[in-house]
Amino acid sequence: MPLPNHHLAPEVTDMKNKILRFLLSEDGPTAVEYAVMLGLIIVVCLAAIVSIGDSTNANYEMIQQAMEDAIGN
């Protein structure tokens, strides 16, 4: 199903038709599914990194406070 190409350059129309064919074929939905899974994996990884960073920061602050208390500051 080609897209209407009333005012587009032939290269743009050709690219739009290729993208449409890709999305309508078996490969299109599979690629979209992989992209969604990759996005979810990235979100989970970022959440884990933030959580680990917060935990590490809390530990360093606790160590800093203990050292300050030991020194007497």
N, C-alpha and C. Protein backbone atom coordinates (compact mmCIF):
# COMPACT_ATOMS: atom_id res chain seq x y z
N MET A 1 0.85 -1.18 0.00
CA MET A 1 0.00 0.00 0.00
C MET A 1 0.89 1.24 0.00
N PRO A 2 1.15 1.83 -1.14
CA PRO A 2 2.00 3.02 -1.20
C PRO A 2 1.32 4.22 -0.58
N LEU A 3 2.14 5.10 -0.05
CA LEU A 3 1.63 6.33 0.55
C LEU A 3 1.41 7.37 -0.53
N PRO A 4 0.48 8.31 -0.31
CA PRO A 4 0.31 9.39 -1.29
C PRO A 4 1.57 10.23 -1.40
N ASN A 5 1.92 10.59 -2.61
CA ASN A 5 3.17 11.32 -2.82
C ASN A 5 2.95 12.56 -3.67
N HIS A 6 2.00 13.38 -3.30
CA HIS A 6 1.64 14.54 -4.10
C HIS A 6 2.73 15.58 -4.16
N HIS A 7 3.39 15.83 -3.05
CA HIS A 7 4.33 16.93 -2.98
C HIS A 7 5.71 16.52 -2.47
N LEU A 8 6.01 15.25 -2.47
CA LEU A 8 7.27 14.78 -1.93
C LEU A 8 8.25 14.44 -3.04
N ALA A 9 9.52 14.60 -2.75
CA ALA A 9 10.57 14.20 -3.69
C ALA A 9 10.53 12.69 -3.85
N PRO A 10 10.96 12.17 -4.99
CA PRO A 10 10.92 10.72 -5.21
C PRO A 10 11.71 9.93 -4.16
N GLU A 11 12.82 10.49 -3.69
CA GLU A 11 13.63 9.78 -2.69
C GLU A 11 12.86 9.62 -1.38
N VAL A 12 12.14 10.67 -0.98
CA VAL A 12 11.37 10.63 0.26
C VAL A 12 10.22 9.64 0.11
N THR A 13 9.56 9.66 -1.01
CA THR A 13 8.45 8.74 -1.26
C THR A 13 8.96 7.30 -1.25
N ASP A 14 10.09 7.07 -1.89
CA ASP A 14 10.66 5.73 -1.92
C ASP A 14 11.00 5.26 -0.51
N MET A 15 11.58 6.14 0.32
CA MET A 15 11.93 5.78 1.69
C MET A 15 10.68 5.48 2.50
N LYS A 16 9.64 6.29 2.33
CA LYS A 16 8.40 6.06 3.07
C LYS A 16 7.79 4.72 2.67
N ASN A 17 7.83 4.39 1.38
CA ASN A 17 7.29 3.11 0.93
C ASN A 17 8.11 1.95 1.48
N LYS A 18 9.42 2.09 1.54
CA LYS A 18 10.26 1.03 2.11
C LYS A 18 9.96 0.84 3.59
N ILE A 19 9.79 1.92 4.32
CA ILE A 19 9.48 1.82 5.75
C ILE A 19 8.12 1.16 5.94
N LEU A 20 7.15 1.54 5.13
CA LEU A 20 5.82 0.94 5.22
C LEU A 20 5.88 -0.56 4.92
N ARG A 21 6.59 -0.95 3.88
CA ARG A 21 6.74 -2.38 3.56
C ARG A 21 7.41 -3.12 4.70
N PHE A 22 8.44 -2.49 5.30
CA PHE A 22 9.16 -3.12 6.42
C PHE A 22 8.22 -3.34 7.60
N LEU A 23 7.41 -2.33 7.92
CA LEU A 23 6.52 -2.45 9.07
C LEU A 23 5.39 -3.44 8.82
N LEU A 24 4.98 -3.58 7.57
CA LEU A 24 3.90 -4.51 7.26
C LEU A 24 4.40 -5.95 7.10
N SER A 25 5.68 -6.13 6.89
CA SER A 25 6.22 -7.48 6.73
C SER A 25 6.40 -8.11 8.11
N GLU A 26 6.84 -9.35 8.12
CA GLU A 26 7.08 -10.07 9.37
C GLU A 26 8.22 -9.44 10.16
N ASP A 27 9.19 -8.86 9.47
CA ASP A 27 10.37 -8.31 10.14
C ASP A 27 10.04 -7.04 10.92
N GLY A 28 9.08 -6.26 10.46
CA GLY A 28 8.75 -5.00 11.11
C GLY A 28 8.29 -5.18 12.54
N PRO A 29 7.23 -5.98 12.77
CA PRO A 29 6.77 -6.17 14.15
C PRO A 29 7.84 -6.83 15.02
N THR A 30 8.63 -7.73 14.47
CA THR A 30 9.69 -8.36 15.25
C THR A 30 10.72 -7.33 15.68
N ALA A 31 11.09 -6.44 14.78
CA ALA A 31 12.05 -5.40 15.12
C ALA A 31 11.48 -4.46 16.17
N VAL A 32 10.20 -4.15 16.06
CA VAL A 32 9.56 -3.29 17.06
C VAL A 32 9.53 -3.98 18.41
N GLU A 33 9.24 -5.25 18.43
CA GLU A 33 9.23 -6.00 19.70
C GLU A 33 10.61 -6.01 20.33
N TYR A 34 11.63 -6.21 19.53
CA TYR A 34 13.00 -6.19 20.07
C TYR A 34 13.35 -4.79 20.58
N ALA A 35 12.91 -3.77 19.89
CA ALA A 35 13.19 -2.40 20.33
C ALA A 35 12.50 -2.12 21.66
N VAL A 36 11.27 -2.59 21.81
CA VAL A 36 10.55 -2.41 23.08
C VAL A 36 11.27 -3.16 24.20
N MET A 37 11.67 -4.41 23.93
CA MET A 37 12.39 -5.18 24.95
C MET A 37 13.70 -4.50 25.32
N LEU A 38 14.42 -4.00 24.33
CA LEU A 38 15.68 -3.29 24.60
C LEU A 38 15.42 -2.06 25.45
N GLY A 39 14.37 -1.33 25.14
CA GLY A 39 14.02 -0.16 25.93
C GLY A 39 13.73 -0.52 27.38
N LEU A 40 12.99 -1.60 27.58
CA LEU A 40 12.68 -2.04 28.95
C LEU A 40 13.94 -2.49 29.68
N ILE A 41 14.82 -3.18 29.00
CA ILE A 41 16.08 -3.62 29.62
C ILE A 41 16.90 -2.41 30.03
N ILE A 42 16.96 -1.39 29.18
CA ILE A 42 17.71 -0.18 29.50
C ILE A 42 17.13 0.51 30.71
N VAL A 43 15.79 0.59 30.79
CA VAL A 43 15.15 1.22 31.94
C VAL A 43 15.48 0.46 33.22
N VAL A 44 15.42 -0.85 33.17
CA VAL A 44 15.73 -1.66 34.36
C VAL A 44 17.19 -1.48 34.77
N CYS A 45 18.09 -1.45 33.79
CA CYS A 45 19.51 -1.25 34.09
C CYS A 45 19.75 0.12 34.71
N LEU A 46 19.14 1.14 34.16
CA LEU A 46 19.30 2.48 34.73
C LEU A 46 18.75 2.56 36.15
N ALA A 47 17.62 1.93 36.39
CA ALA A 47 17.04 1.92 37.74
C ALA A 47 17.98 1.20 38.70
N ALA A 48 18.58 0.10 38.26
CA ALA A 48 19.51 -0.63 39.12
C ALA A 48 20.76 0.20 39.40
N ILE A 49 21.26 0.88 38.39
CA ILE A 49 22.46 1.71 38.57
C ILE A 49 22.17 2.85 39.54
N VAL A 50 21.02 3.49 39.41
CA VAL A 50 20.65 4.57 40.33
C VAL A 50 20.53 4.04 41.75
N SER A 51 19.90 2.88 41.89
CA SER A 51 19.72 2.29 43.22
C SER A 51 21.08 1.95 43.84
N ILE A 52 21.96 1.36 43.07
CA ILE A 52 23.29 1.01 43.57
C ILE A 52 24.06 2.28 43.91
N GLY A 53 23.93 3.30 43.08
CA GLY A 53 24.60 4.58 43.34
C GLY A 53 24.13 5.21 44.63
N ASP A 54 22.81 5.21 44.85
CA ASP A 54 22.26 5.77 46.09
C ASP A 54 22.76 5.00 47.30
N SER A 55 22.78 3.68 47.19
CA SER A 55 23.24 2.84 48.29
C SER A 55 24.72 3.08 48.57
N THR A 56 25.51 3.17 47.53
CA THR A 56 26.95 3.41 47.69
C THR A 56 27.19 4.79 48.31
N ASN A 57 26.45 5.77 47.86
CA ASN A 57 26.57 7.12 48.41
C ASN A 57 26.23 7.12 49.89
N ALA A 58 25.18 6.44 50.28
CA ALA A 58 24.79 6.35 51.69
C ALA A 58 25.89 5.69 52.51
N ASN A 59 26.51 4.65 51.97
CA ASN A 59 27.60 3.97 52.69
C ASN A 59 28.80 4.90 52.87
N TYR A 60 29.15 5.63 51.82
CA TYR A 60 30.28 6.56 51.94
C TYR A 60 29.99 7.68 52.94
N GLU A 61 28.76 8.17 52.94
CA GLU A 61 28.39 9.19 53.92
C GLU A 61 28.48 8.65 55.34
N MET A 62 28.06 7.40 55.54
CA MET A 62 28.14 6.76 56.86
C MET A 62 29.60 6.61 57.28
N ILE A 63 30.45 6.20 56.36
CA ILE A 63 31.89 6.05 56.66
C ILE A 63 32.50 7.42 56.96
N GLN A 64 32.13 8.42 56.19
CA GLN A 64 32.64 9.77 56.43
C GLN A 64 32.24 10.25 57.82
N GLN A 65 30.99 10.03 58.20
CA GLN A 65 30.52 10.47 59.51
C GLN A 65 31.24 9.73 60.61
N ALA A 66 31.47 8.44 60.43
CA ALA A 66 32.18 7.65 61.43
C ALA A 66 33.62 8.14 61.58
N MET A 67 34.26 8.48 60.48
CA MET A 67 35.63 8.98 60.54
C MET A 67 35.68 10.36 61.19
N GLU A 68 34.71 11.22 60.88
CA GLU A 68 34.66 12.53 61.53
C GLU A 68 34.44 12.40 63.03
N ASP A 69 33.57 11.47 63.44
CA ASP A 69 33.33 11.24 64.85
C ASP A 69 34.58 10.71 65.55
N ALA A 70 35.31 9.85 64.84
CA ALA A 70 36.52 9.27 65.44
C ALA A 70 37.62 10.33 65.59
N ILE A 71 37.70 11.23 64.62
CA ILE A 71 38.71 12.30 64.67
C ILE A 71 38.31 13.38 65.66
N GLY A 72 37.00 13.59 65.78
CA GLY A 72 36.54 14.59 66.71
C GLY A 72 36.11 15.88 66.06
N ASN A 73 35.78 15.86 64.79
CA ASN A 73 35.34 17.09 64.09
C ASN A 73 33.87 17.32 64.34
